[in-house]
């Protein structure tokens, strides 16, 4: 069974050094997940 954990956006990874922040890893936003989501078929034909 598929997990829904991959649909939860994860926060970015940011390093702080002497008051300066650097984004190390960019992650998906809610909008990215919705845009990339594949719509599911509303009806499934049974054999």
Protein backbone atom coordinates (compact mmCIF):
# COMPACT_ATOMS: atom_id res chain seq x y z
CA UNK A 1 0.00 0.00 0.00
CA UNK A 2 1.31 3.44 -0.85
CA UNK A 3 2.35 5.85 1.86
CA UNK A 4 1.26 9.46 2.07
CA UNK A 5 4.54 10.54 3.68
CA UNK A 6 5.87 11.68 0.29
CA UNK A 7 3.02 14.21 0.00
CA UNK A 8 4.13 16.16 3.06
CA UNK A 9 6.47 19.03 2.18
CA UNK A 10 9.77 18.92 4.03
CA UNK A 11 11.50 22.01 5.29
CA UNK A 12 14.70 23.36 3.78
CA UNK A 13 18.13 22.67 5.24
CA UNK A 14 19.78 25.94 6.22
CA UNK A 15 23.29 26.54 7.60
CA UNK A 16 23.92 29.58 9.79
CA UNK A 17 27.39 31.08 10.01
CA UNK A 18 28.13 34.35 11.81
CA UNK A 19 24.65 35.74 11.21
CA UNK A 20 24.45 34.67 7.55
CA UNK A 21 22.02 32.00 6.41
CA UNK A 22 22.72 29.72 3.46
CA UNK A 23 20.10 27.38 2.01
CA UNK A 24 21.82 24.05 1.45
CA UNK A 25 18.91 21.86 0.33
CA UNK A 26 15.77 23.22 -1.33
CA UNK A 27 12.61 21.19 -0.79
CA UNK A 28 9.17 21.13 -2.38
CA UNK A 29 6.48 23.58 -1.34
CA UNK A 30 2.76 22.79 -1.12
CA UNK A 31 2.30 24.37 -4.57
CA UNK A 32 5.01 22.16 -6.09
CA UNK A 33 3.39 19.02 -4.71
CA UNK A 34 -0.03 19.99 -6.04
CA UNK A 35 1.37 20.94 -9.46
CA UNK A 36 3.31 17.68 -9.78
CA UNK A 37 0.51 15.48 -8.43
CA UNK A 38 -0.93 13.00 -10.92
CA UNK A 39 -4.75 13.06 -10.92
CA UNK A 40 -6.31 9.71 -10.07
CA UNK A 41 -8.92 8.08 -12.28
CA UNK A 42 -12.43 8.62 -10.92
CA UNK A 43 -13.68 5.23 -12.08
CA UNK A 44 -11.87 1.94 -12.40
CA UNK A 45 -13.17 -0.70 -14.79
CA UNK A 46 -13.47 -4.08 -13.10
CA UNK A 47 -12.75 -7.22 -15.14
